[in-house]
N, C-alpha and C. Protein backbone atom coordinates (compact mmCIF):
# COMPACT_ATOMS: atom_id res chain seq x y z
N UNK A 1 -11.79 -16.02 -82.95
CA UNK A 1 -11.66 -14.60 -82.34
C UNK A 1 -11.12 -13.34 -83.12
N UNK A 2 -12.26 -12.46 -83.47
CA UNK A 2 -11.25 -11.29 -84.82
C UNK A 2 -11.40 -9.93 -83.48
N UNK A 3 -11.01 -9.50 -83.81
CA UNK A 3 -11.08 -7.95 -82.85
C UNK A 3 -12.14 -7.40 -82.76
N UNK A 4 -13.12 -7.63 -83.19
CA UNK A 4 -14.60 -7.03 -82.59
C UNK A 4 -14.86 -7.69 -82.20
N UNK A 5 -15.14 -9.08 -82.33
CA UNK A 5 -15.56 -10.03 -80.75
C UNK A 5 -14.42 -10.15 -79.86
N UNK A 6 -13.13 -9.38 -79.42
CA UNK A 6 -12.52 -9.22 -78.55
C UNK A 6 -13.01 -8.06 -77.72
N UNK A 7 -12.70 -6.98 -78.48
CA UNK A 7 -13.32 -5.66 -77.71
C UNK A 7 -14.56 -5.99 -77.24
N UNK A 8 -15.41 -6.83 -78.10
CA UNK A 8 -16.77 -7.35 -77.23
C UNK A 8 -16.86 -7.58 -76.32
N UNK A 9 -16.11 -8.71 -76.09
CA UNK A 9 -15.18 -9.69 -75.23
C UNK A 9 -15.26 -8.74 -73.95
N UNK A 10 -14.58 -8.10 -73.63
CA UNK A 10 -13.95 -6.87 -73.01
C UNK A 10 -15.09 -5.92 -72.34
N UNK A 11 -16.08 -4.92 -73.29
CA UNK A 11 -16.66 -4.53 -73.04
C UNK A 11 -18.20 -5.47 -72.00
N UNK A 12 -17.97 -6.41 -72.52
CA UNK A 12 -18.74 -7.39 -71.79
C UNK A 12 -18.40 -7.67 -70.24
N UNK A 13 -17.21 -7.89 -69.98
CA UNK A 13 -16.18 -8.43 -68.52
C UNK A 13 -16.53 -6.91 -67.57
N UNK A 14 -16.22 -6.01 -68.49
CA UNK A 14 -16.64 -5.01 -67.62
C UNK A 14 -18.09 -4.77 -67.05
N UNK A 15 -18.89 -4.65 -67.92
CA UNK A 15 -20.52 -5.00 -67.27
C UNK A 15 -21.05 -5.81 -66.40
N UNK A 16 -20.01 -7.22 -66.76
CA UNK A 16 -20.40 -8.01 -65.72
C UNK A 16 -19.65 -7.48 -64.13
N UNK A 17 -18.57 -7.57 -64.22
CA UNK A 17 -17.86 -7.51 -62.79
C UNK A 17 -18.76 -5.91 -62.34
N UNK A 18 -19.27 -5.11 -62.37
CA UNK A 18 -19.79 -3.88 -61.94
C UNK A 18 -21.45 -4.33 -61.66
N UNK A 19 -21.88 -5.62 -62.15
CA UNK A 19 -23.44 -5.82 -61.64
C UNK A 19 -23.45 -6.58 -60.11
N UNK A 20 -23.09 -7.70 -59.75
CA UNK A 20 -22.76 -8.09 -59.17
C UNK A 20 -21.99 -9.36 -58.70
N UNK A 21 -21.53 -9.93 -57.42
CA UNK A 21 -20.71 -11.29 -57.45
C UNK A 21 -20.80 -11.93 -57.96
N UNK A 22 -22.58 -12.82 -58.51
CA UNK A 22 -22.94 -13.96 -59.08
C UNK A 22 -22.90 -13.85 -59.98
N UNK A 23 -22.22 -12.40 -61.43
CA UNK A 23 -21.81 -12.79 -62.32
C UNK A 23 -20.13 -12.89 -62.52
N UNK A 24 -20.01 -12.29 -61.90
CA UNK A 24 -18.20 -12.93 -61.36
C UNK A 24 -18.04 -14.59 -62.36
N UNK A 25 -18.63 -14.94 -62.46
CA UNK A 25 -18.43 -16.53 -62.74
C UNK A 25 -18.48 -16.34 -64.77
N UNK A 26 -19.22 -15.49 -65.03
CA UNK A 26 -19.54 -15.56 -66.27
C UNK A 26 -18.77 -14.54 -67.24
N UNK A 27 -18.10 -13.52 -65.82
CA UNK A 27 -16.75 -12.89 -66.49
C UNK A 27 -15.80 -13.43 -66.09
N UNK A 28 -15.32 -13.92 -65.22
CA UNK A 28 -13.73 -14.89 -65.58
C UNK A 28 -13.67 -15.67 -66.51
N UNK A 29 -15.29 -16.74 -66.86
CA UNK A 29 -15.25 -17.48 -68.17
C UNK A 29 -15.31 -16.72 -69.01
N UNK A 30 -15.69 -15.48 -69.40
CA UNK A 30 -15.12 -14.68 -70.55
C UNK A 30 -13.89 -14.69 -70.80
N UNK A 31 -13.23 -13.87 -69.53
CA UNK A 31 -11.78 -13.90 -69.58
C UNK A 31 -10.83 -14.93 -69.66
N UNK A 32 -11.18 -16.04 -69.79
CA UNK A 32 -10.41 -17.44 -69.94
C UNK A 32 -10.69 -17.54 -71.15
N UNK A 33 -11.86 -17.23 -72.06
CA UNK A 33 -12.13 -17.50 -73.46
C UNK A 33 -11.51 -16.64 -74.09
N UNK A 34 -11.43 -14.98 -73.66
CA UNK A 34 -10.48 -14.09 -75.00
C UNK A 34 -8.87 -14.73 -74.46
N UNK A 35 -8.66 -14.86 -73.25
CA UNK A 35 -7.06 -15.59 -72.90
C UNK A 35 -6.87 -16.67 -74.09
N UNK A 36 -7.71 -17.81 -73.79
CA UNK A 36 -7.33 -18.90 -74.35
C UNK A 36 -7.40 -18.37 -76.37
N UNK A 37 -8.09 -17.21 -76.46
CA UNK A 37 -8.27 -16.74 -78.03
C UNK A 37 -7.23 -16.05 -78.69
N UNK A 38 -5.89 -16.43 -77.35
CA UNK A 38 -4.87 -15.17 -78.32
C UNK A 38 -4.46 -13.74 -77.56
N UNK A 39 -5.24 -13.49 -76.64
CA UNK A 39 -4.91 -12.11 -75.94
C UNK A 39 -4.58 -12.34 -74.65
N UNK A 40 -2.92 -11.54 -74.83
CA UNK A 40 -2.20 -12.16 -73.32
C UNK A 40 -2.55 -11.51 -72.17
N UNK A 41 -2.17 -12.26 -71.46
CA UNK A 41 -3.17 -11.60 -69.65
C UNK A 41 -2.72 -10.61 -69.51
N UNK A 42 -1.46 -9.94 -69.74
CA UNK A 42 -1.36 -8.56 -69.58
C UNK A 42 -2.29 -7.10 -70.48
N UNK A 43 -2.66 -7.42 -71.36
CA UNK A 43 -3.34 -7.14 -72.18
C UNK A 43 -5.01 -6.93 -71.71
N UNK A 44 -5.42 -7.78 -71.31
CA UNK A 44 -6.44 -8.50 -70.73
C UNK A 44 -6.65 -7.82 -69.45
N UNK A 45 -5.77 -7.90 -68.52
CA UNK A 45 -5.78 -6.78 -67.35
C UNK A 45 -5.90 -5.40 -67.36
N UNK A 46 -5.31 -5.07 -68.86
CA UNK A 46 -4.99 -3.67 -68.94
C UNK A 46 -6.64 -3.46 -69.41
N UNK A 47 -6.80 -3.99 -70.21
CA UNK A 47 -8.33 -3.82 -71.06
C UNK A 47 -9.55 -3.59 -69.43
N UNK A 48 -9.19 -4.89 -69.13
CA UNK A 48 -10.38 -4.62 -67.95
C UNK A 48 -9.72 -3.55 -66.99
N UNK A 49 -9.38 -3.16 -66.60
CA UNK A 49 -8.56 -2.64 -65.77
C UNK A 49 -8.28 -2.74 -64.17
N UNK A 50 -7.50 -4.38 -64.49
CA UNK A 50 -7.19 -4.61 -62.88
C UNK A 50 -5.70 -4.87 -62.39
N UNK A 51 -5.36 -5.21 -61.81
CA UNK A 51 -3.64 -5.48 -61.81
C UNK A 51 -3.68 -6.78 -62.20
N UNK A 52 -2.18 -7.07 -62.92
CA UNK A 52 -1.78 -8.38 -63.39
C UNK A 52 -2.35 -9.65 -62.72
N UNK A 53 -1.89 -9.45 -61.13
CA UNK A 53 -2.11 -10.64 -60.18
C UNK A 53 -3.46 -10.90 -60.15
N UNK A 54 -3.98 -10.01 -59.92
CA UNK A 54 -5.91 -9.97 -59.85
C UNK A 54 -6.11 -10.64 -61.32
N UNK A 55 -5.74 -10.70 -62.35
CA UNK A 55 -6.26 -11.11 -63.58
C UNK A 55 -6.14 -12.90 -63.78
N UNK A 56 -4.57 -12.66 -63.13
CA UNK A 56 -4.24 -14.38 -63.24
C UNK A 56 -4.71 -14.86 -62.42
N UNK A 57 -5.40 -14.83 -61.00
CA UNK A 57 -6.34 -14.97 -59.90
C UNK A 57 -7.35 -15.68 -60.30
N UNK A 58 -7.73 -14.64 -61.24
CA UNK A 58 -8.95 -15.09 -61.54
C UNK A 58 -9.41 -15.92 -62.91
N UNK A 59 -8.17 -15.74 -63.29
CA UNK A 59 -7.81 -17.15 -64.73
C UNK A 59 -7.97 -18.90 -63.47
N UNK A 60 -6.89 -18.66 -62.64
CA UNK A 60 -6.54 -19.79 -62.41
C UNK A 60 -8.35 -20.59 -61.57
N UNK A 61 -9.09 -19.08 -61.25
CA UNK A 61 -10.41 -20.27 -60.50
C UNK A 61 -10.96 -20.15 -61.76
N UNK A 62 -11.31 -19.64 -63.18
CA UNK A 62 -12.10 -19.97 -63.95
C UNK A 62 -11.58 -20.91 -64.62
N UNK A 63 -10.49 -21.47 -64.84
CA UNK A 63 -10.06 -23.06 -65.20
C UNK A 63 -10.55 -24.11 -63.84
N UNK A 64 -10.34 -23.90 -62.57
CA UNK A 64 -11.24 -24.74 -61.74
C UNK A 64 -12.60 -24.93 -61.84
N UNK A 65 -13.15 -23.92 -62.26
CA UNK A 65 -14.52 -24.02 -62.16
C UNK A 65 -15.04 -25.32 -63.60
N UNK A 66 -14.29 -24.07 -64.85
CA UNK A 66 -14.28 -25.00 -66.16
C UNK A 66 -14.06 -26.49 -65.98
N UNK A 67 -13.07 -27.02 -64.92
CA UNK A 67 -12.87 -28.44 -65.31
C UNK A 67 -13.37 -28.88 -64.04
N UNK A 68 -14.71 -28.15 -63.46
CA UNK A 68 -15.44 -28.68 -62.14
C UNK A 68 -14.82 -28.66 -60.87
N UNK A 69 -13.35 -28.64 -60.32
CA UNK A 69 -12.89 -28.58 -59.48
C UNK A 69 -13.20 -27.60 -58.29
N UNK A 70 -14.16 -26.61 -58.81
CA UNK A 70 -14.58 -25.87 -58.01
C UNK A 70 -16.16 -25.24 -58.22
């Protein structure tokens, strides 16, 4: 992902988080993709506007959803 893709990814995450709880799964998956692409978790948390611990929890859930454990 280049910088424009990363920036667009965070815009999409912020939008999804504001919509409804049903969009939370998509937001978590997008955050996981961004961090897998090399964005640090601390930077991601700051750009989304959530505490680092919250982001870490979301990423844990996203990995479980991706792996079919949840």
